[in-house]
């Protein structure tokens, strides 16, 4: 398709892996394929540092999910600035699952939250309760998004 995917992380280098995801009982055919693919392992071992990424060099930005963004991307000011730069350049910004945690500090030039009044969806409080992780995560994503006046959309529990 002629598109290049660049994988970035706050520190660059090896991406952090959730230790629970690495437990034998959590291995699936997909994770075995993931660990067995040398190209994938090479990309994830050599991510570029977020501070080296500019919206001028990319068409869109995508943040994958999993619980990890709740700890690193949620508090990474460089990540928030990167999201802001893509958004205000009119380029697509996509975040799934727990990745909207990266919007925690993203703001508009007038100081309002970037997601204020925007329709958003993410991992819900109910899903966190079902996973029995409400006392593990640093904050509840649904609550944070609502506190920033996002129009949080979710299906029935």
N, C-alpha and C. Protein backbone atom coordinates (compact mmCIF):
# COMPACT_ATOMS: atom_id res chain seq x y z
N UNK A 1 0.80 -1.20 0.00
CA UNK A 1 0.00 0.00 0.00
C UNK A 1 0.84 1.26 0.00
N UNK A 2 2.13 1.11 0.14
CA UNK A 2 2.99 2.27 0.12
C UNK A 2 3.02 3.06 1.41
N UNK A 3 2.52 2.48 2.48
CA UNK A 3 2.51 3.18 3.77
C UNK A 3 3.56 2.56 4.68
N UNK A 4 4.23 3.42 5.41
CA UNK A 4 5.22 2.96 6.37
C UNK A 4 4.64 3.14 7.77
N UNK A 5 4.76 2.12 8.59
CA UNK A 5 4.32 2.20 9.97
C UNK A 5 5.55 2.37 10.84
N UNK A 6 5.55 3.40 11.66
CA UNK A 6 6.64 3.67 12.58
C UNK A 6 6.10 3.46 13.99
N UNK A 7 6.77 2.64 14.77
CA UNK A 7 6.35 2.38 16.14
C UNK A 7 7.21 3.22 17.07
N UNK A 8 6.53 3.99 17.92
CA UNK A 8 7.23 4.88 18.86
C UNK A 8 6.78 4.56 20.28
N UNK A 9 7.60 4.94 21.23
CA UNK A 9 7.28 4.78 22.65
C UNK A 9 7.93 5.93 23.42
N UNK A 10 7.47 6.19 24.64
CA UNK A 10 8.02 7.34 25.38
C UNK A 10 9.55 7.34 25.50
N UNK A 11 10.14 6.20 25.76
CA UNK A 11 11.60 6.14 25.95
C UNK A 11 12.35 5.66 24.72
N UNK A 12 11.63 5.13 23.73
CA UNK A 12 12.30 4.51 22.59
C UNK A 12 12.85 3.16 23.00
N UNK A 13 13.36 2.41 22.04
CA UNK A 13 13.92 1.10 22.35
C UNK A 13 12.85 0.04 22.55
N UNK A 14 13.09 -0.88 23.45
CA UNK A 14 12.18 -1.99 23.73
C UNK A 14 10.87 -1.49 24.34
N UNK A 15 9.76 -1.95 23.78
CA UNK A 15 8.46 -1.58 24.37
C UNK A 15 8.26 -2.37 25.66
N UNK A 16 7.64 -1.74 26.65
CA UNK A 16 7.35 -2.48 27.88
C UNK A 16 6.22 -3.48 27.63
N UNK A 17 6.30 -4.62 28.28
CA UNK A 17 5.29 -5.66 28.15
C UNK A 17 4.65 -5.89 29.52
N UNK A 18 3.33 -5.96 29.54
CA UNK A 18 2.61 -6.28 30.77
C UNK A 18 3.00 -7.69 31.20
N UNK A 19 3.55 -7.85 32.40
CA UNK A 19 4.02 -9.17 32.84
C UNK A 19 2.93 -10.24 32.82
N UNK A 20 1.67 -9.86 33.11
CA UNK A 20 0.59 -10.84 33.09
C UNK A 20 0.35 -11.38 31.69
N UNK A 21 0.59 -10.55 30.69
CA UNK A 21 0.40 -10.98 29.31
C UNK A 21 1.40 -12.05 28.93
N UNK A 22 2.49 -12.10 29.65
CA UNK A 22 3.58 -13.03 29.35
C UNK A 22 3.45 -14.37 30.07
N UNK A 23 2.44 -14.51 30.93
CA UNK A 23 2.27 -15.76 31.68
C UNK A 23 1.84 -16.89 30.75
N UNK A 24 2.30 -18.12 31.02
CA UNK A 24 1.96 -19.25 30.15
C UNK A 24 0.45 -19.43 29.94
N UNK A 25 -0.35 -19.20 30.97
CA UNK A 25 -1.80 -19.40 30.83
C UNK A 25 -2.46 -18.35 29.94
N UNK A 26 -1.74 -17.30 29.62
CA UNK A 26 -2.29 -16.26 28.75
C UNK A 26 -1.77 -16.36 27.31
N UNK A 27 -0.99 -17.37 27.02
CA UNK A 27 -0.47 -17.56 25.67
C UNK A 27 -1.57 -18.09 24.75
N UNK A 28 -1.65 -17.51 23.58
CA UNK A 28 -2.62 -17.93 22.57
C UNK A 28 -1.86 -18.16 21.27
N UNK A 29 -2.58 -18.63 20.27
CA UNK A 29 -1.95 -18.81 18.95
C UNK A 29 -1.43 -17.46 18.45
N UNK A 30 -2.18 -16.40 18.71
CA UNK A 30 -1.76 -15.06 18.26
C UNK A 30 -0.49 -14.61 18.97
N UNK A 31 -0.40 -14.83 20.29
CA UNK A 31 0.80 -14.39 21.00
C UNK A 31 2.01 -15.24 20.63
N UNK A 32 1.78 -16.51 20.36
CA UNK A 32 2.89 -17.36 19.93
C UNK A 32 3.41 -16.90 18.57
N UNK A 33 2.50 -16.52 17.69
CA UNK A 33 2.90 -16.00 16.38
C UNK A 33 3.66 -14.68 16.56
N UNK A 34 3.17 -13.84 17.45
CA UNK A 34 3.80 -12.55 17.77
C UNK A 34 5.24 -12.75 18.25
N UNK A 35 5.43 -13.65 19.22
CA UNK A 35 6.77 -13.88 19.75
C UNK A 35 7.68 -14.61 18.75
N UNK A 36 7.07 -15.34 17.83
CA UNK A 36 7.86 -16.08 16.86
C UNK A 36 8.20 -15.31 15.59
N UNK A 37 7.69 -14.11 15.46
CA UNK A 37 7.91 -13.32 14.26
C UNK A 37 9.10 -12.38 14.48
N UNK A 38 10.25 -12.68 13.84
CA UNK A 38 11.45 -11.86 14.06
C UNK A 38 11.28 -10.41 13.62
N UNK A 39 10.50 -10.16 12.57
CA UNK A 39 10.29 -8.78 12.13
C UNK A 39 9.53 -7.98 13.19
N UNK A 40 8.50 -8.58 13.74
CA UNK A 40 7.73 -7.92 14.80
C UNK A 40 8.61 -7.67 16.01
N UNK A 41 9.36 -8.65 16.41
CA UNK A 41 10.24 -8.50 17.57
C UNK A 41 11.28 -7.41 17.35
N UNK A 42 11.79 -7.31 16.13
CA UNK A 42 12.76 -6.28 15.81
C UNK A 42 12.15 -4.88 15.92
N UNK A 43 10.94 -4.72 15.38
CA UNK A 43 10.26 -3.42 15.44
C UNK A 43 10.01 -3.02 16.89
N UNK A 44 9.51 -3.96 17.69
CA UNK A 44 9.16 -3.64 19.08
C UNK A 44 10.37 -3.51 19.99
N UNK A 45 11.49 -4.00 19.55
CA UNK A 45 12.74 -3.84 20.32
C UNK A 45 13.46 -2.54 19.98
N UNK A 46 13.05 -1.92 18.88
CA UNK A 46 13.75 -0.73 18.40
C UNK A 46 12.80 0.41 18.08
N UNK A 47 11.89 0.71 18.99
CA UNK A 47 10.95 1.80 18.74
C UNK A 47 11.68 3.14 18.77
N UNK A 48 11.12 4.09 18.05
CA UNK A 48 11.69 5.43 18.08
C UNK A 48 11.12 6.16 19.29
N UNK A 49 11.85 7.13 19.78
CA UNK A 49 11.41 7.91 20.93
C UNK A 49 10.32 8.89 20.49
N UNK A 50 9.25 8.98 21.28
CA UNK A 50 8.13 9.86 20.94
C UNK A 50 8.56 11.29 20.62
N UNK A 51 9.55 11.78 21.32
CA UNK A 51 9.99 13.17 21.10
C UNK A 51 10.60 13.39 19.72
N UNK A 52 10.92 12.30 19.00
CA UNK A 52 11.49 12.44 17.66
C UNK A 52 10.41 12.41 16.58
N UNK A 53 9.16 12.19 16.98
CA UNK A 53 8.05 12.10 16.02
C UNK A 53 7.42 13.48 15.84
N UNK A 54 7.14 13.83 14.59
CA UNK A 54 6.50 15.10 14.28
C UNK A 54 5.32 14.87 13.34
N UNK A 55 4.25 15.60 13.56
CA UNK A 55 3.08 15.48 12.68
C UNK A 55 3.42 15.88 11.24
N UNK A 56 4.51 16.61 11.05
CA UNK A 56 4.91 17.04 9.71
C UNK A 56 5.34 15.85 8.84
N UNK A 57 5.75 14.76 9.48
CA UNK A 57 6.28 13.61 8.74
C UNK A 57 5.32 12.43 8.64
N UNK A 58 4.10 12.58 9.17
CA UNK A 58 3.15 11.47 9.20
C UNK A 58 1.76 11.93 8.81
N UNK A 59 0.96 10.98 8.31
CA UNK A 59 -0.41 11.28 7.89
C UNK A 59 -1.41 11.10 9.02
N UNK A 60 -1.09 10.27 10.00
CA UNK A 60 -2.01 9.96 11.09
C UNK A 60 -1.22 9.42 12.27
N UNK A 61 -1.89 9.36 13.42
CA UNK A 61 -1.28 8.77 14.60
C UNK A 61 -2.28 7.80 15.22
N UNK A 62 -1.78 6.64 15.65
CA UNK A 62 -2.62 5.59 16.25
C UNK A 62 -1.98 5.12 17.54
N UNK A 63 -2.76 5.09 18.60
CA UNK A 63 -2.31 4.58 19.89
C UNK A 63 -3.04 3.28 20.18
N UNK A 64 -2.31 2.15 20.28
CA UNK A 64 -2.95 0.88 20.60
C UNK A 64 -3.30 0.80 22.08
N UNK A 65 -4.17 -0.13 22.39
CA UNK A 65 -4.65 -0.26 23.77
C UNK A 65 -3.87 -1.23 24.62
N UNK A 66 -4.59 -1.86 25.52
CA UNK A 66 -3.98 -2.60 26.60
C UNK A 66 -3.89 -1.67 27.80
N UNK A 67 -3.59 -2.20 28.96
CA UNK A 67 -3.54 -1.37 30.16
C UNK A 67 -2.31 -0.45 30.23
N UNK A 68 -1.27 -0.74 29.49
CA UNK A 68 -0.02 0.01 29.57
C UNK A 68 -0.15 1.52 29.49
N UNK A 69 -0.95 2.06 28.55
CA UNK A 69 -1.04 3.51 28.44
C UNK A 69 -1.50 4.22 29.72
N UNK A 70 -2.16 3.48 30.61
CA UNK A 70 -2.63 4.08 31.87
C UNK A 70 -1.45 4.52 32.74
N UNK A 71 -0.30 3.89 32.55
CA UNK A 71 0.87 4.21 33.38
C UNK A 71 1.86 5.13 32.70
N UNK A 72 2.15 4.89 31.43
CA UNK A 72 3.19 5.73 30.82
C UNK A 72 2.63 6.86 29.96
N UNK A 73 1.75 6.56 29.04
CA UNK A 73 1.26 7.60 28.13
C UNK A 73 0.33 8.60 28.80
N UNK A 74 -0.37 8.18 29.85
CA UNK A 74 -1.30 9.08 30.54
C UNK A 74 -0.58 10.26 31.18
N UNK A 75 0.66 10.07 31.54
CA UNK A 75 1.41 11.14 32.23
C UNK A 75 2.53 11.72 31.37
N UNK A 76 2.61 11.30 30.13
CA UNK A 76 3.69 11.75 29.25
C UNK A 76 3.28 13.03 28.53
N UNK A 77 3.84 14.13 28.94
CA UNK A 77 3.49 15.44 28.37
C UNK A 77 3.89 15.54 26.89
N UNK A 78 4.98 14.85 26.51
CA UNK A 78 5.39 14.86 25.09
C UNK A 78 4.34 14.16 24.24
N UNK A 79 3.77 13.09 24.76
CA UNK A 79 2.71 12.38 24.05
C UNK A 79 1.50 13.29 23.88
N UNK A 80 1.12 14.01 24.94
CA UNK A 80 -0.02 14.93 24.85
C UNK A 80 0.23 16.00 23.79
N UNK A 81 1.43 16.54 23.75
CA UNK A 81 1.78 17.56 22.76
C UNK A 81 1.74 16.99 21.34
N UNK A 82 2.16 15.74 21.20
CA UNK A 82 2.13 15.09 19.89
C UNK A 82 0.68 14.91 19.42
N UNK A 83 -0.18 14.46 20.30
CA UNK A 83 -1.60 14.32 19.97
C UNK A 83 -2.17 15.67 19.57
N UNK A 84 -1.88 16.70 20.34
CA UNK A 84 -2.35 18.05 20.02
C UNK A 84 -1.88 18.48 18.63
N UNK A 85 -0.62 18.22 18.32
CA UNK A 85 -0.08 18.66 17.03
C UNK A 85 -0.77 17.98 15.86
N UNK A 86 -1.06 16.69 15.98
CA UNK A 86 -1.78 15.98 14.92
C UNK A 86 -3.20 16.52 14.81
N UNK A 87 -3.86 16.66 15.94
CA UNK A 87 -5.24 17.13 15.95
C UNK A 87 -5.37 18.51 15.31
N UNK A 88 -4.52 19.43 15.71
CA UNK A 88 -4.62 20.79 15.18
C UNK A 88 -4.08 20.93 13.77
N UNK A 89 -3.37 19.92 13.29
CA UNK A 89 -2.96 19.89 11.88
C UNK A 89 -4.05 19.26 11.02
N UNK A 90 -5.16 18.84 11.65
CA UNK A 90 -6.26 18.24 10.91
C UNK A 90 -6.00 16.81 10.49
N UNK A 91 -5.08 16.15 11.18
CA UNK A 91 -4.73 14.77 10.84
C UNK A 91 -5.42 13.80 11.80
N UNK A 92 -5.74 12.59 11.32
CA UNK A 92 -6.42 11.62 12.16
C UNK A 92 -5.63 11.25 13.41
N UNK A 93 -6.35 11.19 14.53
CA UNK A 93 -5.81 10.74 15.81
C UNK A 93 -6.73 9.62 16.27
N UNK A 94 -6.19 8.41 16.44
CA UNK A 94 -7.00 7.27 16.85
C UNK A 94 -6.40 6.62 18.08
N UNK A 95 -7.25 6.31 19.04
CA UNK A 95 -6.82 5.68 20.29
C UNK A 95 -7.86 4.62 20.65
N UNK A 96 -7.44 3.41 21.00
CA UNK A 96 -8.39 2.35 21.32
C UNK A 96 -8.14 1.79 22.72
N UNK A 97 -9.19 1.17 23.26
CA UNK A 97 -9.12 0.47 24.54
C UNK A 97 -8.72 1.42 25.67
N UNK A 98 -7.55 1.25 26.26
CA UNK A 98 -7.05 2.13 27.32
C UNK A 98 -6.20 3.28 26.78
N UNK A 99 -5.91 3.28 25.50
CA UNK A 99 -5.05 4.33 24.94
C UNK A 99 -5.61 5.74 25.09
N UNK A 100 -6.94 5.96 25.16
CA UNK A 100 -7.41 7.32 25.40
C UNK A 100 -6.89 7.93 26.71
N UNK A 101 -6.25 7.14 27.54
CA UNK A 101 -5.57 7.68 28.73
C UNK A 101 -4.54 8.72 28.31
N UNK A 102 -4.00 8.57 27.10
CA UNK A 102 -3.00 9.52 26.59
C UNK A 102 -3.59 10.91 26.36
N UNK A 103 -4.91 11.02 26.41
CA UNK A 103 -5.58 12.32 26.24
C UNK A 103 -5.68 13.09 27.56
N UNK A 104 -5.20 12.49 28.63
CA UNK A 104 -5.38 13.07 29.97
C UNK A 104 -4.92 14.52 30.07
N UNK A 105 -3.82 14.87 29.44
CA UNK A 105 -3.29 16.23 29.54
C UNK A 105 -3.33 17.00 28.23
N UNK A 106 -3.97 16.45 27.21
CA UNK A 106 -4.05 17.14 25.91
C UNK A 106 -5.04 18.30 26.00
N UNK A 107 -4.58 19.46 25.54
CA UNK A 107 -5.40 20.68 25.66
C UNK A 107 -5.49 21.43 24.34
N UNK A 108 -6.45 22.31 24.29
CA UNK A 108 -6.62 23.24 23.18
C UNK A 108 -5.77 24.48 23.48
N UNK A 109 -5.51 25.29 22.47
CA UNK A 109 -4.70 26.50 22.71
C UNK A 109 -5.28 27.43 23.78
N UNK A 110 -6.62 27.41 23.95
CA UNK A 110 -7.23 28.28 24.96
C UNK A 110 -7.21 27.67 26.36
N UNK A 111 -6.57 26.48 26.49
CA UNK A 111 -6.44 25.84 27.79
C UNK A 111 -7.51 24.81 28.11
N UNK A 112 -8.59 24.79 27.32
CA UNK A 112 -9.63 23.77 27.57
C UNK A 112 -9.11 22.39 27.18
N UNK A 113 -9.72 21.36 27.76
CA UNK A 113 -9.33 19.99 27.42
C UNK A 113 -9.60 19.72 25.95
N UNK A 114 -8.72 19.02 25.31
CA UNK A 114 -8.87 18.69 23.89
C UNK A 114 -10.17 17.92 23.64
N UNK A 115 -10.54 17.04 24.56
CA UNK A 115 -11.70 16.17 24.34
C UNK A 115 -13.01 16.77 24.84
N UNK A 116 -12.97 17.97 25.36
CA UNK A 116 -14.20 18.61 25.84
C UNK A 116 -15.23 18.67 24.72
N UNK A 117 -16.42 18.10 24.98
CA UNK A 117 -17.51 18.11 24.00
C UNK A 117 -17.37 17.11 22.88
N UNK A 118 -16.29 16.36 22.85
CA UNK A 118 -16.06 15.37 21.78
C UNK A 118 -16.67 14.02 22.17
N UNK A 119 -17.19 13.32 21.17
CA UNK A 119 -17.69 11.96 21.41
C UNK A 119 -16.49 11.03 21.51
N UNK A 120 -16.38 10.33 22.62
CA UNK A 120 -15.28 9.38 22.82
C UNK A 120 -15.82 8.08 23.39
N UNK A 121 -15.06 7.04 23.19
CA UNK A 121 -15.35 5.75 23.78
C UNK A 121 -14.03 5.13 24.19
N UNK A 122 -14.07 4.31 25.21
CA UNK A 122 -12.85 3.68 25.72
C UNK A 122 -13.26 2.55 26.65
N UNK A 123 -12.28 1.93 27.25
CA UNK A 123 -12.53 0.89 28.25
C UNK A 123 -13.37 1.51 29.36
N UNK A 124 -14.48 0.87 29.71
CA UNK A 124 -15.42 1.45 30.67
C UNK A 124 -15.12 1.04 32.11
N UNK A 125 -15.74 1.76 33.04
CA UNK A 125 -15.61 1.40 34.45
C UNK A 125 -16.12 -0.02 34.69
N UNK A 126 -17.23 -0.37 34.04
CA UNK A 126 -17.80 -1.71 34.20
C UNK A 126 -16.83 -2.78 33.70
N UNK A 127 -16.18 -2.51 32.59
CA UNK A 127 -15.20 -3.48 32.07
C UNK A 127 -14.03 -3.62 33.04
N UNK A 128 -13.62 -2.51 33.63
CA UNK A 128 -12.52 -2.56 34.60
C UNK A 128 -12.94 -3.36 35.83
N UNK A 129 -14.19 -3.18 36.28
CA UNK A 129 -14.71 -3.95 37.42
C UNK A 129 -14.76 -5.43 37.08
N UNK A 130 -15.23 -5.76 35.88
CA UNK A 130 -15.31 -7.15 35.45
C UNK A 130 -13.93 -7.79 35.41
N UNK A 131 -12.93 -7.03 35.00
CA UNK A 131 -11.55 -7.53 34.97
C UNK A 131 -10.91 -7.53 36.35
N UNK A 132 -11.64 -7.01 37.35
CA UNK A 132 -11.16 -6.92 38.73
C UNK A 132 -9.86 -6.12 38.84
N UNK A 133 -9.83 -4.99 38.11
CA UNK A 133 -8.63 -4.16 38.10
C UNK A 133 -8.89 -2.72 38.56
N UNK A 134 -10.07 -2.45 39.11
CA UNK A 134 -10.36 -1.08 39.54
C UNK A 134 -9.41 -0.60 40.63
N UNK A 135 -8.87 -1.52 41.41
CA UNK A 135 -7.93 -1.13 42.47
C UNK A 135 -6.48 -1.25 42.03
N UNK A 136 -6.28 -1.59 40.76
CA UNK A 136 -4.92 -1.74 40.23
C UNK A 136 -4.55 -0.55 39.35
N UNK A 137 -5.48 -0.15 38.49
CA UNK A 137 -5.19 0.95 37.57
C UNK A 137 -5.07 2.27 38.35
N UNK A 138 -4.25 3.20 37.85
CA UNK A 138 -4.04 4.46 38.58
C UNK A 138 -5.27 5.37 38.60
N UNK A 139 -6.18 5.18 37.66
CA UNK A 139 -7.44 5.93 37.61
C UNK A 139 -8.39 5.18 36.70
N UNK A 140 -9.67 5.49 36.80
CA UNK A 140 -10.65 4.87 35.91
C UNK A 140 -10.78 5.75 34.67
N UNK A 141 -10.54 5.15 33.54
CA UNK A 141 -10.48 5.88 32.27
C UNK A 141 -11.80 6.58 31.96
N UNK A 142 -12.90 5.87 32.11
CA UNK A 142 -14.21 6.47 31.84
C UNK A 142 -14.41 7.73 32.69
N UNK A 143 -14.09 7.63 33.97
CA UNK A 143 -14.24 8.79 34.86
C UNK A 143 -13.36 9.96 34.41
N UNK A 144 -12.12 9.68 34.05
CA UNK A 144 -11.22 10.75 33.63
C UNK A 144 -11.75 11.46 32.39
N UNK A 145 -12.24 10.69 31.43
CA UNK A 145 -12.75 11.29 30.20
C UNK A 145 -13.98 12.16 30.48
N UNK A 146 -14.85 11.68 31.35
CA UNK A 146 -16.03 12.46 31.73
C UNK A 146 -15.63 13.71 32.51
N UNK A 147 -14.62 13.61 33.36
CA UNK A 147 -14.15 14.78 34.12
C UNK A 147 -13.61 15.87 33.20
N UNK A 148 -13.20 15.47 32.01
CA UNK A 148 -12.71 16.44 31.04
C UNK A 148 -13.81 16.84 30.06
N UNK A 149 -15.05 16.58 30.47
CA UNK A 149 -16.25 16.98 29.72
C UNK A 149 -16.36 16.36 28.34
N UNK A 150 -15.80 15.16 28.18
CA UNK A 150 -16.00 14.41 26.93
C UNK A 150 -17.41 13.83 26.94
N UNK A 151 -17.97 13.65 25.77
CA UNK A 151 -19.26 12.99 25.62
C UNK A 151 -18.97 11.49 25.52
N UNK A 152 -18.92 10.81 26.66
CA UNK A 152 -18.51 9.40 26.71
C UNK A 152 -19.64 8.52 26.21
N UNK A 153 -19.37 7.72 25.19
CA UNK A 153 -20.35 6.84 24.58
C UNK A 153 -19.97 5.40 24.90
N UNK A 154 -20.97 4.63 25.39
CA UNK A 154 -20.72 3.21 25.65
C UNK A 154 -21.99 2.42 25.42
N UNK A 155 -21.82 1.13 25.19
CA UNK A 155 -22.96 0.25 25.03
C UNK A 155 -23.53 -0.12 26.39
N UNK A 156 -24.56 -0.93 26.36
CA UNK A 156 -25.17 -1.39 27.60
C UNK A 156 -24.22 -2.31 28.35
N UNK A 157 -24.29 -2.24 29.68
CA UNK A 157 -23.46 -3.13 30.51
C UNK A 157 -24.00 -4.55 30.44
